[in-house]
C-alpha atoms as a PDB file:
ATOM      1  CA  MET A   1      55.357  72.924-119.922  1.00  0.00           C
ATOM      2  CA  THR A   2      54.493  72.596-116.455  1.00  0.00           C
ATOM      3  CA  GLU A   3      53.664  69.192-114.363  1.00  0.00           C
ATOM      4  CA  PRO A   4      49.733  69.605-113.879  1.00  0.00           C
ATOM      5  CA  THR A   5      49.108  70.922-117.670  1.00  0.00           C
ATOM      6  CA  GLN A   6      51.182  67.490-118.409  1.00  0.00           C
ATOM      7  CA  ARG A   7      48.401  65.580-116.913  1.00  0.00           C
ATOM      8  CA  VAL A   8      45.382  67.691-117.858  1.00  0.00           C
ATOM      9  CA  LEU A   9      46.794  66.635-121.271  1.00  0.00           C
ATOM     10  CA  ARG A  10      47.409  63.051-120.637  1.00  0.00           C
ATOM     11  CA  VAL A  11      43.636  62.961-119.256  1.00  0.00           C
ATOM     12  CA  LEU A  12      42.655  64.877-122.358  1.00  0.00           C
ATOM     13  CA  LEU A  13      44.466  62.056-124.936  1.00  0.00           C
ATOM     14  CA  ASP A  14      42.987  59.034-122.830  1.00  0.00           C
ATOM     15  CA  ARG A  15      39.787  59.788-124.160  1.00  0.00           C
ATOM     16  CA  LYS A  16      40.233  62.494-126.574  1.00  0.00           C
ATOM     17  CA  GLU A  17      37.326  61.513-128.888  1.00  0.00           C
ATOM     18  CA  ASP A  18      34.970  62.067-125.772  1.00  0.00           C
ATOM     19  CA  GLU A  19      33.974  65.006-124.046  1.00  0.00           C
ATOM     20  CA  GLN A  20      34.732  65.573-120.606  1.00  0.00           C
ATOM     21  CA  TYR A  21      33.484  68.184-118.166  1.00  0.00           C
ATOM     22  CA  GLY A  22      36.160  70.011-115.944  1.00  0.00           C
ATOM     23  CA  MET A  23      35.697  68.379-112.096  1.00  0.00           C
ATOM     24  CA  GLU A  24      36.325  64.887-114.476  1.00  0.00           C
ATOM     25  CA  ILE A  25      39.299  66.031-115.568  1.00  0.00           C
ATOM     26  CA  ALA A  26      40.400  67.478-112.792  1.00  0.00           C
ATOM     27  CA  ASP A  27      39.406  64.095-110.713  1.00  0.00           C
ATOM     28  CA  ARG A  28      41.072  62.273-112.988  1.00  0.00           C
ATOM     29  CA  ALA A  29      44.277  64.036-113.060  1.00  0.00           C
ATOM     30  CA  GLY A  30      44.586  64.364-109.026  1.00  0.00           C
ATOM     31  CA  LEU A  31      44.497  68.331-109.739  1.00  0.00           C
ATOM     32  CA  ALA A  32      42.210  70.957-107.732  1.00  0.00           C
ATOM     33  CA  PRO A  33      39.830  72.720-109.772  1.00  0.00           C
ATOM     34  CA  GLY A  34      41.654  75.905-109.232  1.00  0.00           C
ATOM     35  CA  THR A  35      44.608  74.785-111.123  1.00  0.00           C
ATOM     36  CA  THR A  36      42.448  72.829-113.938  1.00  0.00           C
ATOM     37  CA  TYR A  37      40.354  75.139-115.347  1.00  0.00           C
ATOM     38  CA  PRO A  38      42.972  78.288-115.990  1.00  0.00           C
ATOM     39  CA  ILE A  39      44.899  75.263-117.980  1.00  0.00           C
ATOM     40  CA  LEU A  40      41.751  74.273-119.908  1.00  0.00           C
ATOM     41  CA  ILE A  41      41.038  78.026-120.309  1.00  0.00           C
ATOM     42  CA  ARG A  42      44.672  78.422-121.745  1.00  0.00           C
ATOM     43  CA  LEU A  43      44.710  75.494-123.969  1.00  0.00           C
ATOM     44  CA  LYS A  44      41.209  76.510-125.068  1.00  0.00           C
ATOM     45  CA  GLN A  45      42.743  79.845-125.974  1.00  0.00           C
ATOM     46  CA  GLU A  46      45.604  77.851-127.803  1.00  0.00           C
ATOM     47  CA  GLY A  47      43.458  76.108-130.439  1.00  0.00           C
ATOM     48  CA  TRP A  48      43.975  72.707-128.099  1.00  0.00           C
ATOM     49  CA  VAL A  49      40.776  71.875-126.682  1.00  0.00           C
ATOM     50  CA  GLU A  50      36.992  73.152-127.786  1.00  0.00           C
ATOM     51  CA  SER A  51      34.332  73.603-125.092  1.00  0.00           C
ATOM     52  CA  ARG A  52      30.880  73.759-124.481  1.00  0.00           C
ATOM     53  CA  TRP A  53      28.582  73.965-121.469  1.00  0.00           C
ATOM     54  CA  GLU A  54      25.817  71.567-121.218  1.00  0.00           C
ATOM     55  CA  ALA A  55      22.546  72.946-121.723  1.00  0.00           C
ATOM     56  CA  ILE A  56      20.359  71.863-118.731  1.00  0.00           C
ATOM     57  CA  ASP A  57      17.727  73.430-116.317  1.00  0.00           C
ATOM     58  CA  PRO A  58      20.065  73.725-112.997  1.00  0.00           C
ATOM     59  CA  ALA A  59      16.866  73.752-110.930  1.00  0.00           C
ATOM     60  CA  THR A  60      15.419  70.795-112.736  1.00  0.00           C
ATOM     61  CA  THR A  61      18.501  68.655-111.934  1.00  0.00           C
ATOM     62  CA  ARG A  62      19.730  69.767-108.765  1.00  0.00           C
ATOM     63  CA  ARG A  63      23.076  70.565-110.331  1.00  0.00           C
ATOM     64  CA  PRO A  64      24.728  73.433-112.266  1.00  0.00           C
ATOM     65  CA  ALA A  65      25.095  72.626-115.909  1.00  0.00           C
ATOM     66  CA  ARG A  66      28.763  71.412-116.671  1.00  0.00           C
ATOM     67  CA  HIS A  67      31.338  72.528-118.802  1.00  0.00           C
ATOM     68  CA  TYR A  68      32.915  69.778-121.336  1.00  0.00           C
ATOM     69  CA  PHE A  69      36.292  70.000-123.166  1.00  0.00           C
ATOM     70  CA  ARG A  70      37.683  67.964-125.831  1.00  0.00           C
ATOM     71  CA  LEU A  71      40.774  68.140-127.445  1.00  0.00           C
ATOM     72  CA  THR A  72      40.483  69.575-131.121  1.00  0.00           C
ATOM     73  CA  MET A  73      42.291  67.502-133.645  1.00  0.00           C
ATOM     74  CA  LEU A  74      45.208  70.211-133.586  1.00  0.00           C
ATOM     75  CA  GLY A  75      45.104  70.311-130.162  1.00  0.00           C
ATOM     76  CA  ALA A  76      45.658  66.141-129.684  1.00  0.00           C
ATOM     77  CA  THR A  77      48.662  66.126-132.360  1.00  0.00           C
ATOM     78  CA  ALA A  78      50.072  68.974-130.097  1.00  0.00           C
ATOM     79  CA  ALA A  79      49.398  67.344-126.964  1.00  0.00           C
ATOM     80  CA  ARG A  80      51.121  64.290-128.280  1.00  0.00           C
ATOM     81  CA  GLU A  81      54.496  65.702-129.368  1.00  0.00           C
ATOM     82  CA  ALA A  82      54.427  68.459-126.316  1.00  0.00           C
ATOM     83  CA  LEU A  83      54.374  65.230-123.869  1.00  0.00           C
ATOM     84  CA  ASP A  84      56.877  63.577-125.998  1.00  0.00           C
ATOM     85  CA  ARG A  85      59.358  66.019-125.610  1.00  0.00           C
ATOM     86  CA  ALA A  86      58.362  66.610-122.010  1.00  0.00           C
ATOM     87  CA  ASP A  87      58.808  62.887-121.423  1.00  0.00           C
ATOM     88  CA  GLU A  88      62.283  62.964-123.366  1.00  0.00           C
ATOM     89  CA  LYS A  89      63.473  65.613-120.952  1.00  0.00           C
ATOM     90  CA  ALA A  90      62.395  64.155-118.578  1.00  0.00           C
ATOM     91  CA  ARG A  91      64.505  61.187-118.966  1.00  0.00           C
ATOM     92  CA  ALA A  92      67.099  63.254-120.045  1.00  0.00           C
ATOM     93  CA  ARG A  93      67.316  65.041-116.473  1.00  0.00           C
ATOM     94  CA  ALA A  94      66.735  60.914-114.767  1.00  0.00           C
ATOM     95  CA  TRP A  95      69.961  59.903-116.584  1.00  0.00           C
ATOM     96  CA  ARG A  96      72.012  63.312-115.812  1.00  0.00           C
ATOM     97  CA  ALA A  97      71.157  62.593-112.131  1.00  0.00           C
ATOM     98  CA  ARG A  98      71.947  59.054-112.102  1.00  0.00           C
ATOM     99  CA  ARG A  99      75.701  60.171-113.749  1.00  0.00           C
ATOM    100  CA  ARG A 100      75.976  62.420-110.553  1.00  0.00           C
ATOM    101  CA  VAL A 101      75.537  59.750-107.844  1.00  0.00           C
ATOM    102  CA  PRO A 102      78.478  58.350-106.404  1.00  0.00           C
ATOM    103  CA  GLY A 103      78.428  54.411-106.275  1.00  0.00           C
ATOM    104  CA  THR A 104      76.220  54.206-109.395  1.00  0.00           C
ATOM    105  CA  ARG A 105      77.055  52.571-112.801  1.00  0.00           C
ATOM    106  CA  HIS A 106      77.053  56.104-114.620  1.00  0.00           C
ATOM    107  CA  GLU A 107      79.121  57.569-112.117  1.00  0.00           C
ATOM    108  CA  GLU A 108      81.430  60.097-113.590  1.00  0.00           C
ATOM    109  CA  ALA A 109      85.305  60.129-112.877  1.00  0.00           C
END
């Protein structure tokens, strides 16, 4: 799982009961919209995310309609599991890297 996907999932999990619009997710994840939206669309295709367009008149509100996203129940469970696996892999990589650094406690002889 890519780091950007992990960041999007963490943002969605942070407020899993709430709908969040795409630009809000991008801002909170620290990603560009061109990175965030393809991730959201892929997660929707996988059944992890549901979405809807805001029902507004852009001429009246003077802004475009927002595309809202929220984790599905399946998505929330799958996201937690996927992030746990990704975190475990990152810890293992960090541990292996520390073992290879000369002068550290975990250096292999």
